[in-house]
Amino acid sequence: KAAALAALTAAVPAEGKWPVDGSKPFPMWGDIGTKTINETTEIKNINLLRMVARVDVVVPTAVTNFKLSSVYVYNYNTQGTVVPTTAAGLTD
């Protein structure tokens, strides 16, 4: 399990943003506990968490003279594990 978790590291691309065109998988994770997965396994629900976030900028409709030129996000991580490694987020 430790070797598999070590392989699940994702880094922000050199351009500084995650591509949304499908060229790079969107890092998400979920945990269903210890279960053997095969052709007869029936799993109804798996809750997934995203590793990256979206930033929405909302401009009130009353504002008419506004043009967004850029958005900056500061103090973000440039690399992280897809699966949490803390005891609170993952059990062995």
PDB file of N, CA and C in Angstrom:
ATOM      1  N   LYS A   1       0.832  -1.190   0.000  1.00  0.00           N
ATOM      2  CA  LYS A   1       0.000   0.000   0.000  1.00  0.00           C
ATOM      3  C   LYS A   1       0.872   1.247   0.000  1.00  0.00           C
ATOM      4  N   ALA A   2       1.946   1.239   0.776  1.00  0.00           N
ATOM      5  CA  ALA A   2       2.828   2.414   0.847  1.00  0.00           C
ATOM      6  C   ALA A   2       3.442   2.725  -0.512  1.00  0.00           C
ATOM      7  N   ALA A   3       3.846   1.691  -1.257  1.00  0.00           N
ATOM      8  CA  ALA A   3       4.434   1.904  -2.587  1.00  0.00           C
ATOM      9  C   ALA A   3       3.405   2.478  -3.553  1.00  0.00           C
ATOM     10  N   ALA A   4       2.175   2.005  -3.461  1.00  0.00           N
ATOM     11  CA  ALA A   4       1.122   2.523  -4.338  1.00  0.00           C
ATOM     12  C   ALA A   4       0.822   3.981  -4.012  1.00  0.00           C
ATOM     13  N   LEU A   5       0.761   4.318  -2.737  1.00  0.00           N
ATOM     14  CA  LEU A   5       0.500   5.699  -2.342  1.00  0.00           C
ATOM     15  C   LEU A   5       1.635   6.627  -2.762  1.00  0.00           C
ATOM     16  N   ALA A   6       2.869   6.137  -2.692  1.00  0.00           N
ATOM     17  CA  ALA A   6       4.014   6.960  -3.093  1.00  0.00           C
ATOM     18  C   ALA A   6       3.963   7.312  -4.581  1.00  0.00           C
ATOM     19  N   ALA A   7       3.349   6.451  -5.375  1.00  0.00           N
ATOM     20  CA  ALA A   7       3.247   6.706  -6.818  1.00  0.00           C
ATOM     21  C   ALA A   7       2.141   7.692  -7.166  1.00  0.00           C
ATOM     22  N   LEU A   8       1.297   8.007  -6.221  1.00  0.00           N
ATOM     23  CA  LEU A   8       0.158   8.891  -6.478  1.00  0.00           C
ATOM     24  C   LEU A   8       0.469  10.333  -6.088  1.00  0.00           C
ATOM     25  N   THR A   9       1.424  10.913  -6.767  1.00  0.00           N
ATOM     26  CA  THR A   9       1.783  12.307  -6.536  1.00  0.00           C
ATOM     27  C   THR A   9       1.506  13.083  -7.809  1.00  0.00           C
ATOM     28  N   ALA A  10       0.852  14.206  -7.664  1.00  0.00           N
ATOM     29  CA  ALA A  10       0.541  15.039  -8.829  1.00  0.00           C
ATOM     30  C   ALA A  10       1.152  16.417  -8.620  1.00  0.00           C
ATOM     31  N   ALA A  11       1.677  16.990  -9.678  1.00  0.00           N
ATOM     32  CA  ALA A  11       2.275  18.322  -9.620  1.00  0.00           C
ATOM     33  C   ALA A  11       1.543  19.250 -10.573  1.00  0.00           C
ATOM     34  N   VAL A  12       1.495  20.517 -10.201  1.00  0.00           N
ATOM     35  CA  VAL A  12       0.905  21.520 -11.079  1.00  0.00           C
ATOM     36  C   VAL A  12       1.777  21.614 -12.326  1.00  0.00           C
ATOM     37  N   PRO A  13       1.192  21.616 -13.515  1.00  0.00           N
ATOM     38  CA  PRO A  13       1.985  21.729 -14.744  1.00  0.00           C
ATOM     39  C   PRO A  13       2.819  23.011 -14.765  1.00  0.00           C
ATOM     40  N   ALA A  14       3.863  23.018 -15.574  1.00  0.00           N
ATOM     41  CA  ALA A  14       4.788  24.161 -15.647  1.00  0.00           C
ATOM     42  C   ALA A  14       4.073  25.463 -15.993  1.00  0.00           C
ATOM     43  N   GLU A  15       2.960  25.383 -16.721  1.00  0.00           N
ATOM     44  CA  GLU A  15       2.218  26.596 -17.092  1.00  0.00           C
ATOM     45  C   GLU A  15       1.537  27.245 -15.893  1.00  0.00           C
ATOM     46  N   GLY A  16       1.470  26.530 -14.753  1.00  0.00           N
ATOM     47  CA  GLY A  16       0.871  27.085 -13.552  1.00  0.00           C
ATOM     48  C   GLY A  16      -0.620  26.862 -13.420  1.00  0.00           C
ATOM     49  N   LYS A  17      -1.235  26.134 -14.358  1.00  0.00           N
ATOM     50  CA  LYS A  17      -2.661  25.850 -14.241  1.00  0.00           C
ATOM     51  C   LYS A  17      -2.946  24.450 -14.755  1.00  0.00           C
ATOM     52  N   TRP A  18      -4.001  23.858 -14.249  1.00  0.00           N
ATOM     53  CA  TRP A  18      -4.378  22.505 -14.633  1.00  0.00           C
ATOM     54  C   TRP A  18      -5.143  22.574 -15.949  1.00  0.00           C
ATOM     55  N   PRO A  19      -4.778  21.755 -16.942  1.00  0.00           N
ATOM     56  CA  PRO A  19      -5.503  21.797 -18.216  1.00  0.00           C
ATOM     57  C   PRO A  19      -6.928  21.253 -18.056  1.00  0.00           C
ATOM     58  N   VAL A  20      -7.864  21.886 -18.712  1.00  0.00           N
ATOM     59  CA  VAL A  20      -9.254  21.444 -18.620  1.00  0.00           C
ATOM     60  C   VAL A  20      -9.724  20.787 -19.916  1.00  0.00           C
ATOM     61  N   ASP A  21      -8.782  20.503 -20.822  1.00  0.00           N
ATOM     62  CA  ASP A  21      -9.135  19.914 -22.107  1.00  0.00           C
ATOM     63  C   ASP A  21      -9.090  18.385 -22.088  1.00  0.00           C
ATOM     64  N   GLY A  22      -8.850  17.778 -20.925  1.00  0.00           N
ATOM     65  CA  GLY A  22      -8.805  16.325 -20.812  1.00  0.00           C
ATOM     66  C   GLY A  22      -7.448  15.720 -21.105  1.00  0.00           C
ATOM     67  N   SER A  23      -6.436  16.544 -21.385  1.00  0.00           N
ATOM     68  CA  SER A  23      -5.108  16.015 -21.708  1.00  0.00           C
ATOM     69  C   SER A  23      -4.371  15.489 -20.480  1.00  0.00           C
ATOM     70  N   LYS A  24      -4.771  15.887 -19.286  1.00  0.00           N
ATOM     71  CA  LYS A  24      -4.157  15.412 -18.041  1.00  0.00           C
ATOM     72  C   LYS A  24      -5.293  15.025 -17.100  1.00  0.00           C
ATOM     73  N   PRO A  25      -5.275  13.812 -16.564  1.00  0.00           N
ATOM     74  CA  PRO A  25      -6.369  13.384 -15.680  1.00  0.00           C
ATOM     75  C   PRO A  25      -6.542  14.329 -14.493  1.00  0.00           C
ATOM     76  N   PHE A  26      -7.780  14.532 -14.098  1.00  0.00           N
ATOM     77  CA  PHE A  26      -8.112  15.394 -12.966  1.00  0.00           C
ATOM     78  C   PHE A  26      -7.918  14.576 -11.692  1.00  0.00           C
ATOM     79  N   PRO A  27      -6.985  14.951 -10.805  1.00  0.00           N
ATOM     80  CA  PRO A  27      -6.706  14.112  -9.629  1.00  0.00           C
ATOM     81  C   PRO A  27      -7.841  14.134  -8.613  1.00  0.00           C
ATOM     82  N   MET A  28      -8.408  12.963  -8.390  1.00  0.00           N
ATOM     83  CA  MET A  28      -9.471  12.787  -7.406  1.00  0.00           C
ATOM     84  C   MET A  28      -9.200  11.492  -6.649  1.00  0.00           C
ATOM     85  N   TRP A  29      -9.755  11.368  -5.449  1.00  0.00           N
ATOM     86  CA  TRP A  29      -9.575  10.132  -4.706  1.00  0.00           C
ATOM     87  C   TRP A  29     -10.849   9.806  -3.937  1.00  0.00           C
ATOM     88  N   GLY A  30     -10.977   8.539  -3.612  1.00  0.00           N
ATOM     89  CA  GLY A  30     -12.067   8.049  -2.791  1.00  0.00           C
ATOM     90  C   GLY A  30     -11.600   6.802  -2.064  1.00  0.00           C
ATOM     91  N   ASP A  31     -12.252   6.473  -0.967  1.00  0.00           N
ATOM     92  CA  ASP A  31     -11.856   5.302  -0.182  1.00  0.00           C
ATOM     93  C   ASP A  31     -13.093   4.469   0.125  1.00  0.00           C
ATOM     94  N   ILE A  32     -13.050   3.192  -0.237  1.00  0.00           N
ATOM     95  CA  ILE A  32     -14.167   2.293   0.060  1.00  0.00           C
ATOM     96  C   ILE A  32     -13.780   1.242   1.096  1.00  0.00           C
ATOM     97  N   GLY A  33     -12.620   1.430   1.721  1.00  0.00           N
ATOM     98  CA  GLY A  33     -12.169   0.472   2.722  1.00  0.00           C
ATOM     99  C   GLY A  33     -11.506  -0.729   2.082  1.00  0.00           C
ATOM    100  N   THR A  34     -11.327  -1.776   2.843  1.00  0.00           N
ATOM    101  CA  THR A  34     -10.690  -2.980   2.320  1.00  0.00           C
ATOM    102  C   THR A  34     -11.737  -3.843   1.651  1.00  0.00           C
ATOM    103  N   LYS A  35     -11.699  -3.899   0.336  1.00  0.00           N
ATOM    104  CA  LYS A  35     -12.673  -4.636  -0.445  1.00  0.00           C
ATOM    105  C   LYS A  35     -11.965  -5.201  -1.666  1.00  0.00           C
ATOM    106  N   THR A  36     -12.236  -6.442  -1.984  1.00  0.00           N
ATOM    107  CA  THR A  36     -11.695  -7.049  -3.198  1.00  0.00           C
ATOM    108  C   THR A  36     -12.534  -6.586  -4.375  1.00  0.00           C
ATOM    109  N   ILE A  37     -11.866  -6.041  -5.387  1.00  0.00           N
ATOM    110  CA  ILE A  37     -12.558  -5.550  -6.578  1.00  0.00           C
ATOM    111  C   ILE A  37     -12.372  -6.559  -7.709  1.00  0.00           C
ATOM    112  N   ASN A  38     -13.471  -7.097  -8.202  1.00  0.00           N
ATOM    113  CA  ASN A  38     -13.440  -8.003  -9.354  1.00  0.00           C
ATOM    114  C   ASN A  38     -14.751  -7.851 -10.120  1.00  0.00           C
ATOM    115  N   GLU A  39     -15.007  -8.743 -11.089  1.00  0.00           N
ATOM    116  CA  GLU A  39     -16.190  -8.595 -11.942  1.00  0.00           C
ATOM    117  C   GLU A  39     -17.511  -8.753 -11.204  1.00  0.00           C
ATOM    118  N   THR A  40     -17.506  -9.312  -9.996  1.00  0.00           N
ATOM    119  CA  THR A  40     -18.761  -9.485  -9.252  1.00  0.00           C
ATOM    120  C   THR A  40     -18.946  -8.442  -8.152  1.00  0.00           C
ATOM    121  N   THR A  41     -17.965  -7.576  -7.965  1.00  0.00           N
ATOM    122  CA  THR A  41     -18.055  -6.555  -6.922  1.00  0.00           C
ATOM    123  C   THR A  41     -19.149  -5.550  -7.262  1.00  0.00           C
ATOM    124  N   GLU A  42     -20.003  -5.282  -6.288  1.00  0.00           N
ATOM    125  CA  GLU A  42     -21.067  -4.311  -6.489  1.00  0.00           C
ATOM    126  C   GLU A  42     -20.844  -3.145  -5.531  1.00  0.00           C
ATOM    127  N   ILE A  43     -20.526  -2.000  -6.090  1.00  0.00           N
ATOM    128  CA  ILE A  43     -20.301  -0.795  -5.284  1.00  0.00           C
ATOM    129  C   ILE A  43     -21.333   0.232  -5.719  1.00  0.00           C
ATOM    130  N   LYS A  44     -22.158   0.657  -4.791  1.00  0.00           N
ATOM    131  CA  LYS A  44     -23.236   1.586  -5.125  1.00  0.00           C
ATOM    132  C   LYS A  44     -22.758   3.038  -5.150  1.00  0.00           C
ATOM    133  N   ASN A  45     -22.031   3.466  -4.131  1.00  0.00           N
ATOM    134  CA  ASN A  45     -21.625   4.864  -4.036  1.00  0.00           C
ATOM    135  C   ASN A  45     -20.169   4.982  -3.586  1.00  0.00           C
ATOM    136  N   ILE A  46     -19.421   5.807  -4.276  1.00  0.00           N
ATOM    137  CA  ILE A  46     -18.067   6.160  -3.855  1.00  0.00           C
ATOM    138  C   ILE A  46     -17.994   7.682  -3.888  1.00  0.00           C
ATOM    139  N   ASN A  47     -17.738   8.295  -2.754  1.00  0.00           N
ATOM    140  CA  ASN A  47     -17.585   9.743  -2.706  1.00  0.00           C
ATOM    141  C   ASN A  47     -16.158  10.098  -3.066  1.00  0.00           C
ATOM    142  N   LEU A  48     -15.992  11.003  -4.014  1.00  0.00           N
ATOM    143  CA  LEU A  48     -14.676  11.419  -4.467  1.00  0.00           C
ATOM    144  C   LEU A  48     -14.397  12.858  -4.046  1.00  0.00           C
ATOM    145  N   LEU A  49     -13.134  13.134  -3.738  1.00  0.00           N
ATOM    146  CA  LEU A  49     -12.690  14.476  -3.402  1.00  0.00           C
ATOM    147  C   LEU A  49     -11.711  14.949  -4.462  1.00  0.00           C
ATOM    148  N   ARG A  50     -11.795  16.214  -4.846  1.00  0.00           N
ATOM    149  CA  ARG A  50     -10.881  16.774  -5.836  1.00  0.00           C
ATOM    150  C   ARG A  50      -9.615  17.267  -5.165  1.00  0.00           C
ATOM    151  N   MET A  51      -8.495  17.113  -5.865  1.00  0.00           N
ATOM    152  CA  MET A  51      -7.232  17.619  -5.360  1.00  0.00           C
ATOM    153  C   MET A  51      -7.044  19.085  -5.744  1.00  0.00           C
ATOM    154  N   VAL A  52      -7.677  19.505  -6.805  1.00  0.00           N
ATOM    155  CA  VAL A  52      -7.540  20.891  -7.254  1.00  0.00           C
ATOM    156  C   VAL A  52      -8.882  21.596  -7.112  1.00  0.00           C
ATOM    157  N   ALA A  53      -8.862  22.904  -7.074  1.00  0.00           N
ATOM    158  CA  ALA A  53     -10.079  23.683  -6.880  1.00  0.00           C
ATOM    159  C   ALA A  53     -10.298  24.627  -8.053  1.00  0.00           C
ATOM    160  N   ARG A  54     -11.522  25.061  -8.208  1.00  0.00           N
ATOM    161  CA  ARG A  54     -11.888  26.016  -9.239  1.00  0.00           C
ATOM    162  C   ARG A  54     -12.120  27.369  -8.574  1.00  0.00           C
ATOM    163  N   VAL A  55     -11.756  28.424  -9.249  1.00  0.00           N
ATOM    164  CA  VAL A  55     -11.977  29.774  -8.740  1.00  0.00           C
ATOM    165  C   VAL A  55     -13.030  30.434  -9.618  1.00  0.00           C
ATOM    166  N   ASP A  56     -14.121  30.851  -9.003  1.00  0.00           N
ATOM    167  CA  ASP A  56     -15.178  31.554  -9.730  1.00  0.00           C
ATOM    168  C   ASP A  56     -15.134  33.033  -9.362  1.00  0.00           C
ATOM    169  N   VAL A  57     -15.238  33.906 -10.352  1.00  0.00           N
ATOM    170  CA  VAL A  57     -15.324  35.345 -10.132  1.00  0.00           C
ATOM    171  C   VAL A  57     -16.727  35.767 -10.532  1.00  0.00           C
ATOM    172  N   VAL A  58     -17.443  36.368  -9.600  1.00  0.00           N
ATOM    173  CA  VAL A  58     -18.819  36.770  -9.854  1.00  0.00           C
ATOM    174  C   VAL A  58     -18.888  38.291  -9.899  1.00  0.00           C
ATOM    175  N   VAL A  59     -19.462  38.813 -10.953  1.00  0.00           N
ATOM    176  CA  VAL A  59     -19.646  40.252 -11.109  1.00  0.00           C
ATOM    177  C   VAL A  59     -21.145  40.522 -11.085  1.00  0.00           C
ATOM    178  N   PRO A  60     -21.590  41.395 -10.176  1.00  0.00           N
ATOM    179  CA  PRO A  60     -23.026  41.700 -10.118  1.00  0.00           C
ATOM    180  C   PRO A  60     -23.531  42.242 -11.462  1.00  0.00           C
ATOM    181  N   THR A  61     -24.757  41.919 -11.797  1.00  0.00           N
ATOM    182  CA  THR A  61     -25.315  42.354 -13.080  1.00  0.00           C
ATOM    183  C   THR A  61     -25.408  43.869 -13.183  1.00  0.00           C
ATOM    184  N   ALA A  62     -25.440  44.566 -12.050  1.00  0.00           N
ATOM    185  CA  ALA A  62     -25.517  46.031 -12.076  1.00  0.00           C
ATOM    186  C   ALA A  62     -24.203  46.663 -12.563  1.00  0.00           C
ATOM    187  N   VAL A  63     -23.107  45.916 -12.508  1.00  0.00           N
ATOM    188  CA  VAL A  63     -21.812  46.424 -12.965  1.00  0.00           C
ATOM    189  C   VAL A  63     -21.741  46.230 -14.482  1.00  0.00           C
ATOM    190  N   THR A  64     -21.562  47.322 -15.213  1.00  0.00           N
ATOM    191  CA  THR A  64     -21.559  47.226 -16.672  1.00  0.00           C
ATOM    192  C   THR A  64     -20.202  47.531 -17.295  1.00  0.00           C
ATOM    193  N   ASN A  65     -19.323  48.202 -16.576  1.00  0.00           N
ATOM    194  CA  ASN A  65     -18.029  48.600 -17.133  1.00  0.00           C
ATOM    195  C   ASN A  65     -16.920  47.785 -16.460  1.00  0.00           C
ATOM    196  N   PHE A  66     -16.880  46.476 -16.752  1.00  0.00           N
ATOM    197  CA  PHE A  66     -15.917  45.592 -16.091  1.00  0.00           C
ATOM    198  C   PHE A  66     -15.362  44.610 -17.106  1.00  0.00           C
ATOM    199  N   LYS A  67     -14.041  44.478 -17.127  1.00  0.00           N
ATOM    200  CA  LYS A  67     -13.395  43.490 -17.986  1.00  0.00           C
ATOM    201  C   LYS A  67     -12.314  42.787 -17.165  1.00  0.00           C
ATOM    202  N   LEU A  68     -12.482  41.502 -16.964  1.00  0.00           N
ATOM    203  CA  LEU A  68     -11.532  40.715 -16.187  1.00  0.00           C
ATOM    204  C   LEU A  68     -10.312  40.405 -17.044  1.00  0.00           C
ATOM    205  N   SER A  69      -9.133  40.795 -16.572  1.00  0.00           N
ATOM    206  CA  SER A  69      -7.922  40.529 -17.354  1.00  0.00           C
ATOM    207  C   SER A  69      -7.117  39.367 -16.780  1.00  0.00           C
ATOM    208  N   SER A  70      -7.200  39.114 -15.471  1.00  0.00           N
ATOM    209  CA  SER A  70      -6.473  37.994 -14.890  1.00  0.00           C
ATOM    210  C   SER A  70      -6.947  37.737 -13.462  1.00  0.00           C
ATOM    211  N   VAL A  71      -6.659  36.528 -12.981  1.00  0.00           N
ATOM    212  CA  VAL A  71      -6.945  36.131 -11.602  1.00  0.00           C
ATOM    213  C   VAL A  71      -5.697  35.465 -11.063  1.00  0.00           C
ATOM    214  N   TYR A  72      -5.268  35.820  -9.875  1.00  0.00           N
ATOM    215  CA  TYR A  72      -4.090  35.230  -9.249  1.00  0.00           C
ATOM    216  C   TYR A  72      -4.482  34.510  -7.966  1.00  0.00           C
ATOM    217  N   VAL A  73      -3.913  33.343  -7.757  1.00  0.00           N
ATOM    218  CA  VAL A  73      -4.096  32.594  -6.517  1.00  0.00           C
ATOM    219  C   VAL A  73      -2.722  32.493  -5.864  1.00  0.00           C
ATOM    220  N   TYR A  74      -2.615  32.958  -4.638  1.00  0.00           N
ATOM    221  CA  TYR A  74      -1.335  32.983  -3.933  1.00  0.00           C
ATOM    222  C   TYR A  74      -1.260  31.869  -2.890  1.00  0.00           C
ATOM    223  N   ASN A  75      -0.034  31.488  -2.560  1.00  0.00           N
ATOM    224  CA  ASN A  75       0.250  30.507  -1.508  1.00  0.00           C
ATOM    225  C   ASN A  75      -0.420  29.159  -1.752  1.00  0.00           C
ATOM    226  N   TYR A  76      -0.402  28.699  -2.988  1.00  0.00           N
ATOM    227  CA  TYR A  76      -0.976  27.387  -3.294  1.00  0.00           C
ATOM    228  C   TYR A  76       0.145  26.352  -3.351  1.00  0.00           C
ATOM    229  N   ASN A  77      -0.212  25.101  -3.163  1.00  0.00           N
ATOM    230  CA  ASN A  77       0.753  24.008  -3.266  1.00  0.00           C
ATOM    231  C   ASN A  77       1.006  23.692  -4.734  1.00  0.00           C
ATOM    232  N   THR A  78       2.237  23.387  -5.078  1.00  0.00           N
ATOM    233  CA  THR A  78       2.565  23.031  -6.454  1.00  0.00           C
ATOM    234  C   THR A  78       2.661  21.525  -6.640  1.00  0.00           C
ATOM    235  N   GLN A  79       2.560  20.774  -5.543  1.00  0.00           N
ATOM    236  CA  GLN A  79       2.625  19.317  -5.612  1.00  0.00           C
ATOM    237  C   GLN A  79       1.875  18.749  -4.420  1.00  0.00           C
ATOM    238  N   GLY A  80       1.260  17.606  -4.605  1.00  0.00           N
ATOM    239  CA  GLY A  80       0.564  16.972  -3.503  1.00  0.00           C
ATOM    240  C   GLY A  80       0.240  15.530  -3.818  1.00  0.00           C
ATOM    241  N   THR A  81      -0.112  14.783  -2.790  1.00  0.00           N
ATOM    242  CA  THR A  81      -0.504  13.398  -3.006  1.00  0.00           C
ATOM    243  C   THR A  81      -1.997  13.358  -3.305  1.00  0.00           C
ATOM    244  N   VAL A  82      -2.372  12.507  -4.219  1.00  0.00           N
ATOM    245  CA  VAL A  82      -3.775  12.379  -4.586  1.00  0.00           C
ATOM    246  C   VAL A  82      -4.573  11.809  -3.416  1.00  0.00           C
ATOM    247  N   VAL A  83      -3.976  10.888  -2.681  1.00  0.00           N
ATOM    248  CA  VAL A  83      -4.607  10.290  -1.504  1.00  0.00           C
ATOM    249  C   VAL A  83      -3.973  10.898  -0.262  1.00  0.00           C
ATOM    250  N   PRO A  84      -4.756  11.376   0.697  1.00  0.00           N
ATOM    251  CA  PRO A  84      -4.178  11.970   1.901  1.00  0.00           C
ATOM    252  C   PRO A  84      -3.336  10.955   2.664  1.00  0.00           C
ATOM    253  N   THR A  85      -2.266  11.420   3.289  1.00  0.00           N
ATOM    254  CA  THR A  85      -1.374  10.524   4.020  1.00  0.00           C
ATOM    255  C   THR A  85      -1.483  10.706   5.521  1.00  0.00           C
ATOM    256  N   THR A  86      -2.378  11.587   5.994  1.00  0.00           N
ATOM    257  CA  THR A  86      -2.529  11.794   7.418  1.00  0.00           C
ATOM    258  C   THR A  86      -3.450  10.729   8.001  1.00  0.00           C
ATOM    259  N   ALA A  87      -3.320  10.492   9.281  1.00  0.00           N
ATOM    260  CA  ALA A  87      -4.142   9.492   9.940  1.00  0.00           C
ATOM    261  C   ALA A  87      -5.624   9.849   9.865  1.00  0.00           C
ATOM    262  N   ALA A  88      -5.936  11.153   9.863  1.00  0.00           N
ATOM    263  CA  ALA A  88      -7.330  11.576   9.793  1.00  0.00           C
ATOM    264  C   ALA A  88      -7.946  11.275   8.426  1.00  0.00           C
ATOM    265  N   GLY A  89      -7.119  11.275   7.368  1.00  0.00           N
ATOM    266  CA  GLY A  89      -7.667  11.099   6.033  1.00  0.00           C
ATOM    267  C   GLY A  89      -7.541   9.704   5.483  1.00  0.00           C
ATOM    268  N   LEU A  90      -6.738   8.856   6.108  1.00  0.00           N
ATOM    269  CA  LEU A  90      -6.509   7.534   5.556  1.00  0.00           C
ATOM    270  C   LEU A  90      -6.125   6.570   6.671  1.00  0.00           C
ATOM    271  N   THR A  91      -6.711   5.397   6.646  1.00  0.00           N
ATOM    272  CA  THR A  91      -6.345   4.376   7.628  1.00  0.00           C
ATOM    273  C   THR A  91      -5.696   3.218   6.919  1.00  0.00           C
ATOM    274  N   ASP A  92      -4.806   2.532   7.598  1.00  0.00           N
ATOM    275  CA  ASP A  92      -4.134   1.360   7.034  1.00  0.00           C
ATOM    276  C   ASP A  92      -4.987   0.129   7.149  1.00  0.00           C
TER     277      ASP A  92
END
